[in-house]
Each structure stands twice: as structure tokens, then as C-alpha cells.
Amino acid sequence: MKFYKLFLFPILLFGSSINNALATDVNSSNKNQVLFDQYKIDVSKEPIQIPSGYTYKGDMWVDELGKRVDPVKINFAGQYYLGLHSCGAGCRYYTLNNLENK
């Protein structure tokens, strides 16, 4: 039991300072910051193709698991839909669908 206390003490003592140092370095580094407004793209004006697994039920969009999702629309790189899904208990996953109608 004493071993665990001695072992955990340095982690608890130094762990937070290491995390703070890393966060400070990341936040203070503006030279590597990407400014997305510098990269203009053309958003497709064509009718979109609804990906398989997405349906419109009642007044909301649902995915293949029956979970509510944001409306299917172009929201990434001019022709893609980046969808956020929930698998329950705080679990999330993302899908990337090409909405270009070919």
C-alpha cells in the first residue's frame, strides 16, 4: 500500500505542472496557427446526394442507428458533410460523406 502512495505522489505532483506547461506552449505558439479564411473554396451549388444511412423522419434527420444528427448539408471543403454521431454513454464518432451528385 505504501508503494502505491509513493508511486502516485510524483505523478500527482508533477503531472499537473507538465500538463500546464504543454498547454501554455500550445496556446502561446501563434506562428503555426492555420487561418482558414486564407483558403477560399467554391461551395457546390448542385443538388446534393443524401448518403445512405441518413433519413428524414418527422422534423429531424437520423442516422443508421436512429440517433438524431444535424441536417445533411455541405459543411466541409465545399462538397462534404462532416457528421457527428453519438453511440451513447459519451461516445462520439464522425463520418465524412461526399455530397457531390455524380
C-alpha atoms as a PDB file:
ATOM      1  CA  MET A   1       0.000   0.000   0.000  1.00  0.00           C
ATOM      2  CA  LYS A   2       2.824   2.396   0.803  1.00  0.00           C
ATOM      3  CA  PHE A   3       4.339   1.670  -2.598  1.00  0.00           C
ATOM      4  CA  TYR A   4       1.247   2.947  -4.351  1.00  0.00           C
ATOM      5  CA  LYS A   5       1.207   6.125  -2.294  1.00  0.00           C
ATOM      6  CA  LEU A   6       4.867   6.798  -3.028  1.00  0.00           C
ATOM      7  CA  PHE A   7       4.449   5.916  -6.665  1.00  0.00           C
ATOM      8  CA  LEU A   8       1.391   8.111  -7.214  1.00  0.00           C
ATOM      9  CA  PHE A   9       2.751  11.134  -5.349  1.00  0.00           C
ATOM     10  CA  PRO A  10       5.250  12.195  -8.077  1.00  0.00           C
ATOM     11  CA  ILE A  11       2.627  11.704 -10.772  1.00  0.00           C
ATOM     12  CA  LEU A  12       0.093  13.819  -8.920  1.00  0.00           C
ATOM     13  CA  LEU A  13       2.717  16.394  -8.001  1.00  0.00           C
ATOM     14  CA  PHE A  14       4.329  16.822 -11.413  1.00  0.00           C
ATOM     15  CA  GLY A  15       1.518  15.679 -13.701  1.00  0.00           C
ATOM     16  CA  SER A  16      -0.456  18.894 -13.419  1.00  0.00           C
ATOM     17  CA  SER A  17       2.593  21.102 -13.955  1.00  0.00           C
ATOM     18  CA  ILE A  18       3.552  19.142 -17.067  1.00  0.00           C
ATOM     19  CA  ASN A  19       0.023  19.489 -18.445  1.00  0.00           C
ATOM     20  CA  ASN A  20       0.048  23.227 -17.719  1.00  0.00           C
ATOM     21  CA  ALA A  21       3.415  23.647 -19.432  1.00  0.00           C
ATOM     22  CA  LEU A  22       2.228  21.784 -22.519  1.00  0.00           C
ATOM     23  CA  ALA A  23      -0.984  23.790 -22.682  1.00  0.00           C
ATOM     24  CA  THR A  24       0.943  27.037 -22.328  1.00  0.00           C
ATOM     25  CA  ASP A  25       3.326  26.110 -25.140  1.00  0.00           C
ATOM     26  CA  VAL A  26       0.481  25.193 -27.481  1.00  0.00           C
ATOM     27  CA  ASN A  27      -1.535  28.306 -26.691  1.00  0.00           C
ATOM     28  CA  SER A  28       1.411  30.690 -26.994  1.00  0.00           C
ATOM     29  CA  SER A  29       2.548  29.351 -30.373  1.00  0.00           C
ATOM     30  CA  ASN A  30       0.760  31.567 -32.902  1.00  0.00           C
ATOM     31  CA  LYS A  31       3.274  31.099 -35.711  1.00  0.00           C
ATOM     32  CA  ASN A  32       1.852  27.656 -36.580  1.00  0.00           C
ATOM     33  CA  GLN A  33      -1.793  28.713 -36.382  1.00  0.00           C
ATOM     34  CA  VAL A  34      -3.791  27.927 -39.524  1.00  0.00           C
ATOM     35  CA  LEU A  35      -6.058  30.738 -40.691  1.00  0.00           C
ATOM     36  CA  PHE A  36      -8.782  29.046 -42.690  1.00  0.00           C
ATOM     37  CA  ASP A  37     -10.097  32.314 -44.107  1.00  0.00           C
ATOM     38  CA  GLN A  38      -6.937  32.426 -46.255  1.00  0.00           C
ATOM     39  CA  TYR A  39      -8.037  29.304 -48.152  1.00  0.00           C
ATOM     40  CA  LYS A  40     -11.150  30.138 -50.152  1.00  0.00           C
ATOM     41  CA  ILE A  41     -13.126  27.373 -51.860  1.00  0.00           C
ATOM     42  CA  ASP A  42     -16.170  27.219 -54.086  1.00  0.00           C
ATOM     43  CA  VAL A  43     -19.148  25.569 -52.424  1.00  0.00           C
ATOM     44  CA  SER A  44     -21.095  23.286 -54.746  1.00  0.00           C
ATOM     45  CA  LYS A  45     -24.470  24.715 -55.789  1.00  0.00           C
ATOM     46  CA  GLU A  46     -25.696  21.448 -57.325  1.00  0.00           C
ATOM     47  CA  PRO A  47     -28.400  19.351 -55.625  1.00  0.00           C
ATOM     48  CA  ILE A  48     -26.792  17.136 -53.001  1.00  0.00           C
ATOM     49  CA  GLN A  49     -26.872  13.352 -52.847  1.00  0.00           C
ATOM     50  CA  ILE A  50     -28.116  12.125 -49.452  1.00  0.00           C
ATOM     51  CA  PRO A  51     -25.689   9.473 -48.142  1.00  0.00           C
ATOM     52  CA  SER A  52     -27.001   6.010 -47.337  1.00  0.00           C
ATOM     53  CA  GLY A  53     -27.862   5.629 -43.675  1.00  0.00           C
ATOM     54  CA  TYR A  54     -29.397   9.094 -43.299  1.00  0.00           C
ATOM     55  CA  THR A  55     -33.159   9.581 -43.286  1.00  0.00           C
ATOM     56  CA  TYR A  56     -35.506  12.441 -42.553  1.00  0.00           C
ATOM     57  CA  LYS A  57     -38.132  11.362 -40.004  1.00  0.00           C
ATOM     58  CA  GLY A  58     -40.781  13.787 -38.868  1.00  0.00           C
ATOM     59  CA  ASP A  59     -38.923  17.019 -38.277  1.00  0.00           C
ATOM     60  CA  MET A  60     -35.380  15.703 -37.793  1.00  0.00           C
ATOM     61  CA  TRP A  61     -32.544  13.841 -39.502  1.00  0.00           C
ATOM     62  CA  VAL A  62     -31.478  10.474 -38.077  1.00  0.00           C
ATOM     63  CA  ASP A  63     -28.552   8.174 -38.845  1.00  0.00           C
ATOM     64  CA  GLU A  64     -28.430   4.403 -39.316  1.00  0.00           C
ATOM     65  CA  LEU A  65     -28.581   3.891 -35.526  1.00  0.00           C
ATOM     66  CA  GLY A  66     -31.736   6.007 -35.281  1.00  0.00           C
ATOM     67  CA  LYS A  67     -29.866   8.759 -33.435  1.00  0.00           C
ATOM     68  CA  ARG A  68     -30.553  12.407 -34.209  1.00  0.00           C
ATOM     69  CA  VAL A  69     -27.954  14.206 -36.359  1.00  0.00           C
ATOM     70  CA  ASP A  70     -27.545  17.676 -37.807  1.00  0.00           C
ATOM     71  CA  PRO A  71     -29.278  18.272 -41.150  1.00  0.00           C
ATOM     72  CA  VAL A  72     -27.385  16.823 -44.095  1.00  0.00           C
ATOM     73  CA  LYS A  73     -25.784  19.776 -45.888  1.00  0.00           C
ATOM     74  CA  ILE A  74     -22.391  20.778 -47.230  1.00  0.00           C
ATOM     75  CA  ASN A  75     -20.355  21.872 -44.227  1.00  0.00           C
ATOM     76  CA  PHE A  76     -16.754  20.963 -45.102  1.00  0.00           C
ATOM     77  CA  ALA A  77     -14.425  21.662 -48.054  1.00  0.00           C
ATOM     78  CA  GLY A  78     -17.145  22.727 -50.481  1.00  0.00           C
ATOM     79  CA  GLN A  79     -18.732  19.333 -51.158  1.00  0.00           C
ATOM     80  CA  TYR A  80     -18.556  17.199 -47.995  1.00  0.00           C
ATOM     81  CA  TYR A  81     -20.759  16.631 -44.970  1.00  0.00           C
ATOM     82  CA  LEU A  82     -18.852  16.094 -41.736  1.00  0.00           C
ATOM     83  CA  GLY A  83     -21.341  14.366 -39.456  1.00  0.00           C
ATOM     84  CA  LEU A  84     -21.152  13.948 -35.699  1.00  0.00           C
ATOM     85  CA  HIS A  85     -22.808  10.818 -34.333  1.00  0.00           C
ATOM     86  CA  SER A  86     -23.474   9.520 -30.843  1.00  0.00           C
ATOM     87  CA  CYS A  87     -23.192   5.884 -29.875  1.00  0.00           C
ATOM     88  CA  GLY A  88     -24.320   6.584 -26.298  1.00  0.00           C
ATOM     89  CA  ALA A  89     -22.614   6.966 -22.911  1.00  0.00           C
ATOM     90  CA  GLY A  90     -20.471   9.885 -24.064  1.00  0.00           C
ATOM     91  CA  CYS A  91     -19.183   8.027 -27.113  1.00  0.00           C
ATOM     92  CA  ARG A  92     -18.915  10.009 -30.367  1.00  0.00           C
ATOM     93  CA  TYR A  93     -17.784   9.246 -33.864  1.00  0.00           C
ATOM     94  CA  TYR A  94     -17.563  11.257 -37.072  1.00  0.00           C
ATOM     95  CA  THR A  95     -18.317  10.443 -40.695  1.00  0.00           C
ATOM     96  CA  LEU A  96     -17.201  12.254 -43.817  1.00  0.00           C
ATOM     97  CA  ASN A  97     -19.529  11.956 -46.825  1.00  0.00           C
ATOM     98  CA  ASN A  98     -19.098  13.369 -50.303  1.00  0.00           C
ATOM     99  CA  LEU A  99     -22.403  15.060 -51.198  1.00  0.00           C
ATOM    100  CA  GLU A 100     -21.431  15.741 -54.791  1.00  0.00           C
ATOM    101  CA  ASN A 101     -24.184  14.406 -57.054  1.00  0.00           C
ATOM    102  CA  LYS A 102     -22.485  12.410 -59.822  1.00  0.00           C
END
